[in-house]
Amino acid sequence: MPVAVGPYGQQQPACVDRIKMGFMMGFAVGMAAGAMFGTFSCLRVGMRGRELMGGVGKTMMQSGGTFGTFMSIGMGICC
């Protein structure tokens, strides 16, 4: 399948590269959202110290992975 060439001779990124880029963007946004929501929810239930850091980290990884997966699926559909 031929690759479209941009106006200045640049090639468009491959579909796999777009999917990886979508996952990384979604993962970053999900991590930021997980940091905010995880911090508030862990503080609300009374976590402190090491337990707080573990709970916030777990929430950040879960939300980052979830949002990254959906962003990569969306980028795959656009290919």
PDB file of N, CA and C in Angstrom:
ATOM      1  N   MET A   1       0.848  -1.175   0.000  1.00  0.00           N
ATOM      2  CA  MET A   1       0.000   0.000   0.000  1.00  0.00           C
ATOM      3  C   MET A   1       0.894   1.238   0.000  1.00  0.00           C
ATOM      4  N   PRO A   2       0.693   2.163  -0.925  1.00  0.00           N
ATOM      5  CA  PRO A   2       1.560   3.346  -0.975  1.00  0.00           C
ATOM      6  C   PRO A   2       1.295   4.278   0.208  1.00  0.00           C
ATOM      7  N   VAL A   3       2.357   4.966   0.614  1.00  0.00           N
ATOM      8  CA  VAL A   3       2.268   5.899   1.726  1.00  0.00           C
ATOM      9  C   VAL A   3       2.054   7.297   1.168  1.00  0.00           C
ATOM     10  N   ALA A   4       1.096   8.026   1.735  1.00  0.00           N
ATOM     11  CA  ALA A   4       0.828   9.387   1.280  1.00  0.00           C
ATOM     12  C   ALA A   4       2.007  10.293   1.625  1.00  0.00           C
ATOM     13  N   VAL A   5       2.325  11.180   0.711  1.00  0.00           N
ATOM     14  CA  VAL A   5       3.437  12.098   0.916  1.00  0.00           C
ATOM     15  C   VAL A   5       2.877  13.476   1.189  1.00  0.00           C
ATOM     16  N   GLY A   6       3.399  14.133   2.231  1.00  0.00           N
ATOM     17  CA  GLY A   6       2.944  15.460   2.609  1.00  0.00           C
ATOM     18  C   GLY A   6       3.409  16.516   1.615  1.00  0.00           C
ATOM     19  N   PRO A   7       3.047  17.771   1.858  1.00  0.00           N
ATOM     20  CA  PRO A   7       3.371  18.838   0.903  1.00  0.00           C
ATOM     21  C   PRO A   7       4.867  19.116   0.768  1.00  0.00           C
ATOM     22  N   TYR A   8       5.666  18.780   1.758  1.00  0.00           N
ATOM     23  CA  TYR A   8       7.098  19.059   1.704  1.00  0.00           C
ATOM     24  C   TYR A   8       7.924  17.784   1.613  1.00  0.00           C
ATOM     25  N   GLY A   9       7.329  16.714   1.135  1.00  0.00           N
ATOM     26  CA  GLY A   9       8.045  15.465   0.960  1.00  0.00           C
ATOM     27  C   GLY A   9       8.100  14.590   2.202  1.00  0.00           C
ATOM     28  N   GLN A  10       7.426  14.967   3.282  1.00  0.00           N
ATOM     29  CA  GLN A  10       7.434  14.139   4.475  1.00  0.00           C
ATOM     30  C   GLN A  10       6.436  13.005   4.303  1.00  0.00           C
ATOM     31  N   GLN A  11       6.760  11.883   4.902  1.00  0.00           N
ATOM     32  CA  GLN A  11       5.836  10.753   4.879  1.00  0.00           C
ATOM     33  C   GLN A  11       4.980  10.776   6.136  1.00  0.00           C
ATOM     34  N   GLN A  12       3.762  10.317   6.008  1.00  0.00           N
ATOM     35  CA  GLN A  12       2.870  10.203   7.149  1.00  0.00           C
ATOM     36  C   GLN A  12       3.317   9.022   8.009  1.00  0.00           C
ATOM     37  N   PRO A  13       3.096   9.080   9.332  1.00  0.00           N
ATOM     38  CA  PRO A  13       3.500   7.945  10.177  1.00  0.00           C
ATOM     39  C   PRO A  13       2.690   6.700   9.838  1.00  0.00           C
ATOM     40  N   ALA A  14       3.323   5.553  10.010  1.00  0.00           N
ATOM     41  CA  ALA A  14       2.655   4.280   9.743  1.00  0.00           C
ATOM     42  C   ALA A  14       1.538   4.068  10.763  1.00  0.00           C
ATOM     43  N   CYS A  15       0.656   3.157  10.446  1.00  0.00           N
ATOM     44  CA  CYS A  15      -0.505   2.911  11.304  1.00  0.00           C
ATOM     45  C   CYS A  15      -0.071   2.414  12.687  1.00  0.00           C
ATOM     46  N   VAL A  16       0.933   1.549  12.726  1.00  0.00           N
ATOM     47  CA  VAL A  16       1.409   1.038  14.014  1.00  0.00           C
ATOM     48  C   VAL A  16       2.004   2.174  14.843  1.00  0.00           C
ATOM     49  N   ASP A  17       2.710   3.091  14.184  1.00  0.00           N
ATOM     50  CA  ASP A  17       3.273   4.234  14.900  1.00  0.00           C
ATOM     51  C   ASP A  17       2.175   5.138  15.446  1.00  0.00           C
ATOM     52  N   ARG A  18       1.110   5.304  14.698  1.00  0.00           N
ATOM     53  CA  ARG A  18      -0.008   6.127  15.174  1.00  0.00           C
ATOM     54  C   ARG A  18      -0.698   5.464  16.362  1.00  0.00           C
ATOM     55  N   ILE A  19      -0.813   4.146  16.332  1.00  0.00           N
ATOM     56  CA  ILE A  19      -1.432   3.429  17.447  1.00  0.00           C
ATOM     57  C   ILE A  19      -0.571   3.563  18.701  1.00  0.00           C
ATOM     58  N   LYS A  20       0.762   3.421  18.546  1.00  0.00           N
ATOM     59  CA  LYS A  20       1.658   3.587  19.695  1.00  0.00           C
ATOM     60  C   LYS A  20       1.605   5.012  20.236  1.00  0.00           C
ATOM     61  N   MET A  21       1.549   5.982  19.333  1.00  0.00           N
ATOM     62  CA  MET A  21       1.476   7.375  19.768  1.00  0.00           C
ATOM     63  C   MET A  21       0.160   7.632  20.508  1.00  0.00           C
ATOM     64  N   GLY A  22      -0.937   7.063  20.026  1.00  0.00           N
ATOM     65  CA  GLY A  22      -2.221   7.199  20.710  1.00  0.00           C
ATOM     66  C   GLY A  22      -2.190   6.577  22.091  1.00  0.00           C
ATOM     67  N   PHE A  23      -1.531   5.421  22.208  1.00  0.00           N
ATOM     68  CA  PHE A  23      -1.442   4.795  23.531  1.00  0.00           C
ATOM     69  C   PHE A  23      -0.635   5.663  24.478  1.00  0.00           C
ATOM     70  N   MET A  24       0.481   6.200  24.013  1.00  0.00           N
ATOM     71  CA  MET A  24       1.321   7.014  24.891  1.00  0.00           C
ATOM     72  C   MET A  24       0.614   8.305  25.308  1.00  0.00           C
ATOM     73  N   MET A  25      -0.103   8.931  24.386  1.00  0.00           N
ATOM     74  CA  MET A  25      -0.855  10.142  24.748  1.00  0.00           C
ATOM     75  C   MET A  25      -1.947   9.805  25.758  1.00  0.00           C
ATOM     76  N   GLY A  26      -2.683   8.739  25.509  1.00  0.00           N
ATOM     77  CA  GLY A  26      -3.735   8.329  26.425  1.00  0.00           C
ATOM     78  C   GLY A  26      -3.191   7.917  27.778  1.00  0.00           C
ATOM     79  N   PHE A  27      -2.029   7.248  27.774  1.00  0.00           N
ATOM     80  CA  PHE A  27      -1.427   6.834  29.035  1.00  0.00           C
ATOM     81  C   PHE A  27      -1.033   8.046  29.867  1.00  0.00           C
ATOM     82  N   ALA A  28      -0.478   9.070  29.211  1.00  0.00           N
ATOM     83  CA  ALA A  28      -0.071  10.276  29.935  1.00  0.00           C
ATOM     84  C   ALA A  28      -1.278  11.002  30.528  1.00  0.00           C
ATOM     85  N   VAL A  29      -2.332  11.126  29.756  1.00  0.00           N
ATOM     86  CA  VAL A  29      -3.534  11.801  30.251  1.00  0.00           C
ATOM     87  C   VAL A  29      -4.178  10.981  31.369  1.00  0.00           C
ATOM     88  N   GLY A  30      -4.217   9.670  31.200  1.00  0.00           N
ATOM     89  CA  GLY A  30      -4.782   8.809  32.236  1.00  0.00           C
ATOM     90  C   GLY A  30      -3.976   8.839  33.525  1.00  0.00           C
ATOM     91  N   MET A  31      -2.652   8.922  33.406  1.00  0.00           N
ATOM     92  CA  MET A  31      -1.819   9.018  34.604  1.00  0.00           C
ATOM     93  C   MET A  31      -2.100  10.315  35.358  1.00  0.00           C
ATOM     94  N   ALA A  32      -2.256  11.415  34.634  1.00  0.00           N
ATOM     95  CA  ALA A  32      -2.550  12.695  35.292  1.00  0.00           C
ATOM     96  C   ALA A  32      -3.905  12.645  35.985  1.00  0.00           C
ATOM     97  N   ALA A  33      -4.899  12.108  35.297  1.00  0.00           N
ATOM     98  CA  ALA A  33      -6.225  11.993  35.908  1.00  0.00           C
ATOM     99  C   ALA A  33      -6.190  11.037  37.097  1.00  0.00           C
ATOM    100  N   GLY A  34      -5.453   9.941  36.975  1.00  0.00           N
ATOM    101  CA  GLY A  34      -5.331   8.992  38.079  1.00  0.00           C
ATOM    102  C   GLY A  34      -4.642   9.589  39.282  1.00  0.00           C
ATOM    103  N   ALA A  35      -3.674  10.481  39.042  1.00  0.00           N
ATOM    104  CA  ALA A  35      -2.995  11.135  40.165  1.00  0.00           C
ATOM    105  C   ALA A  35      -3.964  12.005  40.943  1.00  0.00           C
ATOM    106  N   MET A  36      -4.791  12.754  40.224  1.00  0.00           N
ATOM    107  CA  MET A  36      -5.749  13.628  40.912  1.00  0.00           C
ATOM    108  C   MET A  36      -6.810  12.829  41.647  1.00  0.00           C
ATOM    109  N   PHE A  37      -7.488  11.942  40.915  1.00  0.00           N
ATOM    110  CA  PHE A  37      -8.581  11.193  41.524  1.00  0.00           C
ATOM    111  C   PHE A  37      -8.078  10.209  42.574  1.00  0.00           C
ATOM    112  N   GLY A  38      -6.924   9.591  42.324  1.00  0.00           N
ATOM    113  CA  GLY A  38      -6.374   8.650  43.295  1.00  0.00           C
ATOM    114  C   GLY A  38      -5.973   9.316  44.584  1.00  0.00           C
ATOM    115  N   THR A  39      -5.379  10.510  44.486  1.00  0.00           N
ATOM    116  CA  THR A  39      -4.980  11.234  45.693  1.00  0.00           C
ATOM    117  C   THR A  39      -6.192  11.596  46.533  1.00  0.00           C
ATOM    118  N   PHE A  40      -7.210  12.129  45.886  1.00  0.00           N
ATOM    119  CA  PHE A  40      -8.398  12.523  46.638  1.00  0.00           C
ATOM    120  C   PHE A  40      -9.104  11.329  47.258  1.00  0.00           C
ATOM    121  N   SER A  41      -9.231  10.241  46.507  1.00  0.00           N
ATOM    122  CA  SER A  41      -9.948   9.090  47.057  1.00  0.00           C
ATOM    123  C   SER A  41      -9.154   8.423  48.178  1.00  0.00           C
ATOM    124  N   CYS A  42      -7.820   8.355  48.037  1.00  0.00           N
ATOM    125  CA  CYS A  42      -7.016   7.740  49.102  1.00  0.00           C
ATOM    126  C   CYS A  42      -6.997   8.596  50.356  1.00  0.00           C
ATOM    127  N   LEU A  43      -6.925   9.900  50.196  1.00  0.00           N
ATOM    128  CA  LEU A  43      -6.968  10.770  51.370  1.00  0.00           C
ATOM    129  C   LEU A  43      -8.329  10.724  52.046  1.00  0.00           C
ATOM    130  N   ARG A  44      -9.377  10.553  51.253  1.00  0.00           N
ATOM    131  CA  ARG A  44     -10.726  10.507  51.817  1.00  0.00           C
ATOM    132  C   ARG A  44     -10.921   9.306  52.734  1.00  0.00           C
ATOM    133  N   VAL A  45     -10.302   8.161  52.372  1.00  0.00           N
ATOM    134  CA  VAL A  45     -10.464   6.979  53.220  1.00  0.00           C
ATOM    135  C   VAL A  45      -9.438   6.927  54.346  1.00  0.00           C
ATOM    136  N   GLY A  46      -8.522   7.909  54.396  1.00  0.00           N
ATOM    137  CA  GLY A  46      -7.620   8.018  55.521  1.00  0.00           C
ATOM    138  C   GLY A  46      -6.252   7.387  55.340  1.00  0.00           C
ATOM    139  N   MET A  47      -5.828   7.153  54.124  1.00  0.00           N
ATOM    140  CA  MET A  47      -4.498   6.570  53.903  1.00  0.00           C
ATOM    141  C   MET A  47      -3.421   7.624  54.128  1.00  0.00           C
ATOM    142  N   ARG A  48      -2.276   7.184  54.632  1.00  0.00           N
ATOM    143  CA  ARG A  48      -1.142   8.073  54.860  1.00  0.00           C
ATOM    144  C   ARG A  48       0.152   7.328  54.520  1.00  0.00           C
ATOM    145  N   GLY A  49       1.190   8.076  54.187  1.00  0.00           N
ATOM    146  CA  GLY A  49       2.527   7.517  54.004  1.00  0.00           C
ATOM    147  C   GLY A  49       2.652   6.556  52.850  1.00  0.00           C
ATOM    148  N   ARG A  50       3.282   5.406  53.148  1.00  0.00           N
ATOM    149  CA  ARG A  50       3.565   4.403  52.123  1.00  0.00           C
ATOM    150  C   ARG A  50       2.276   3.846  51.516  1.00  0.00           C
ATOM    151  N   GLU A  51       1.265   3.688  52.344  1.00  0.00           N
ATOM    152  CA  GLU A  51      -0.023   3.183  51.863  1.00  0.00           C
ATOM    153  C   GLU A  51      -0.650   4.157  50.865  1.00  0.00           C
ATOM    154  N   LEU A  52      -0.521   5.442  51.124  1.00  0.00           N
ATOM    155  CA  LEU A  52      -1.030   6.468  50.215  1.00  0.00           C
ATOM    156  C   LEU A  52      -0.315   6.421  48.878  1.00  0.00           C
ATOM    157  N   MET A  53       1.019   6.332  48.907  1.00  0.00           N
ATOM    158  CA  MET A  53       1.794   6.293  47.664  1.00  0.00           C
ATOM    159  C   MET A  53       1.453   5.048  46.848  1.00  0.00           C
ATOM    160  N   GLY A  54       1.296   3.924  47.513  1.00  0.00           N
ATOM    161  CA  GLY A  54       0.932   2.698  46.803  1.00  0.00           C
ATOM    162  C   GLY A  54      -0.451   2.788  46.177  1.00  0.00           C
ATOM    163  N   GLY A  55      -1.398   3.347  46.911  1.00  0.00           N
ATOM    164  CA  GLY A  55      -2.765   3.483  46.381  1.00  0.00           C
ATOM    165  C   GLY A  55      -2.839   4.449  45.220  1.00  0.00           C
ATOM    166  N   VAL A  56      -2.124   5.576  45.325  1.00  0.00           N
ATOM    167  CA  VAL A  56      -2.129   6.560  44.239  1.00  0.00           C
ATOM    168  C   VAL A  56      -1.427   5.986  43.012  1.00  0.00           C
ATOM    169  N   GLY A  57      -0.309   5.303  43.218  1.00  0.00           N
ATOM    170  CA  GLY A  57       0.412   4.702  42.097  1.00  0.00           C
ATOM    171  C   GLY A  57      -0.414   3.654  41.376  1.00  0.00           C
ATOM    172  N   LYS A  58      -1.125   2.840  42.145  1.00  0.00           N
ATOM    173  CA  LYS A  58      -1.975   1.809  41.542  1.00  0.00           C
ATOM    174  C   LYS A  58      -3.089   2.451  40.730  1.00  0.00           C
ATOM    175  N   THR A  59      -3.707   3.498  41.259  1.00  0.00           N
ATOM    176  CA  THR A  59      -4.772   4.196  40.540  1.00  0.00           C
ATOM    177  C   THR A  59      -4.241   4.853  39.278  1.00  0.00           C
ATOM    178  N   MET A  60      -3.042   5.431  39.348  1.00  0.00           N
ATOM    179  CA  MET A  60      -2.447   6.065  38.170  1.00  0.00           C
ATOM    180  C   MET A  60      -2.181   5.049  37.068  1.00  0.00           C
ATOM    181  N   MET A  61      -1.637   3.891  37.428  1.00  0.00           N
ATOM    182  CA  MET A  61      -1.339   2.868  36.425  1.00  0.00           C
ATOM    183  C   MET A  61      -2.614   2.305  35.807  1.00  0.00           C
ATOM    184  N   GLN A  62      -3.631   2.092  36.625  1.00  0.00           N
ATOM    185  CA  GLN A  62      -4.882   1.553  36.104  1.00  0.00           C
ATOM    186  C   GLN A  62      -5.560   2.523  35.156  1.00  0.00           C
ATOM    187  N   SER A  63      -5.661   3.785  35.541  1.00  0.00           N
ATOM    188  CA  SER A  63      -6.337   4.747  34.686  1.00  0.00           C
ATOM    189  C   SER A  63      -5.501   5.049  33.451  1.00  0.00           C
ATOM    190  N   GLY A  64      -4.173   5.076  33.587  1.00  0.00           N
ATOM    191  CA  GLY A  64      -3.316   5.281  32.427  1.00  0.00           C
ATOM    192  C   GLY A  64      -3.442   4.154  31.420  1.00  0.00           C
ATOM    193  N   GLY A  65      -3.429   2.932  31.901  1.00  0.00           N
ATOM    194  CA  GLY A  65      -3.569   1.787  31.005  1.00  0.00           C
ATOM    195  C   GLY A  65      -4.922   1.732  30.323  1.00  0.00           C
ATOM    196  N   THR A  66      -5.963   2.042  31.077  1.00  0.00           N
ATOM    197  CA  THR A  66      -7.311   2.015  30.507  1.00  0.00           C
ATOM    198  C   THR A  66      -7.483   3.090  29.442  1.00  0.00           C
ATOM    199  N   PHE A  67      -7.109   4.313  29.772  1.00  0.00           N
ATOM    200  CA  PHE A  67      -7.285   5.406  28.825  1.00  0.00           C
ATOM    201  C   PHE A  67      -6.352   5.239  27.627  1.00  0.00           C
ATOM    202  N   GLY A  68      -5.146   4.745  27.862  1.00  0.00           N
ATOM    203  CA  GLY A  68      -4.226   4.487  26.756  1.00  0.00           C
ATOM    204  C   GLY A  68      -4.749   3.427  25.807  1.00  0.00           C
ATOM    205  N   THR A  69      -5.371   2.391  26.346  1.00  0.00           N
ATOM    206  CA  THR A  69      -5.941   1.350  25.493  1.00  0.00           C
ATOM    207  C   THR A  69      -7.045   1.909  24.617  1.00  0.00           C
ATOM    208  N   PHE A  70      -7.927   2.705  25.192  1.00  0.00           N
ATOM    209  CA  PHE A  70      -9.013   3.263  24.401  1.00  0.00           C
ATOM    210  C   PHE A  70      -8.515   4.265  23.366  1.00  0.00           C
ATOM    211  N   MET A  71      -7.481   5.030  23.702  1.00  0.00           N
ATOM    212  CA  MET A  71      -6.918   5.962  22.727  1.00  0.00           C
ATOM    213  C   MET A  71      -6.245   5.216  21.579  1.00  0.00           C
ATOM    214  N   SER A  72      -5.558   4.114  21.883  1.00  0.00           N
ATOM    215  CA  SER A  72      -4.917   3.349  20.818  1.00  0.00           C
ATOM    216  C   SER A  72      -5.952   2.687  19.930  1.00  0.00           C
ATOM    217  N   ILE A  73      -7.059   2.246  20.480  1.00  0.00           N
ATOM    218  CA  ILE A  73      -8.133   1.683  19.660  1.00  0.00           C
ATOM    219  C   ILE A  73      -8.711   2.749  18.756  1.00  0.00           C
ATOM    220  N   GLY A  74      -8.901   3.950  19.300  1.00  0.00           N
ATOM    221  CA  GLY A  74      -9.410   5.043  18.489  1.00  0.00           C
ATOM    222  C   GLY A  74      -8.476   5.427  17.372  1.00  0.00           C
ATOM    223  N   MET A  75      -7.179   5.452  17.646  1.00  0.00           N
ATOM    224  CA  MET A  75      -6.213   5.762  16.594  1.00  0.00           C
ATOM    225  C   MET A  75      -6.164   4.654  15.555  1.00  0.00           C
ATOM    226  N   GLY A  76      -6.345   3.404  15.981  1.00  0.00           N
ATOM    227  CA  GLY A  76      -6.387   2.292  15.036  1.00  0.00           C
ATOM    228  C   GLY A  76      -7.588   2.365  14.116  1.00  0.00           C
ATOM    229  N   ILE A  77      -8.711   2.811  14.649  1.00  0.00           N
ATOM    230  CA  ILE A  77      -9.906   2.953  13.822  1.00  0.00           C
ATOM    231  C   ILE A  77      -9.703   4.044  12.770  1.00  0.00           C
ATOM    232  N   CYS A  78      -8.985   5.107  13.149  1.00  0.00           N
ATOM    233  CA  CYS A  78      -8.731   6.212  12.210  1.00  0.00           C
ATOM    234  C   CYS A  78      -7.782   5.822  11.088  1.00  0.00           C
ATOM    235  N   CYS A  79      -6.969   4.785  11.287  1.00  0.00           N
ATOM    236  CA  CYS A  79      -6.043   4.367  10.222  1.00  0.00           C
ATOM    237  C   CYS A  79      -6.861   3.855   9.090  1.00  0.00           C
TER     238      CYS A  79
END
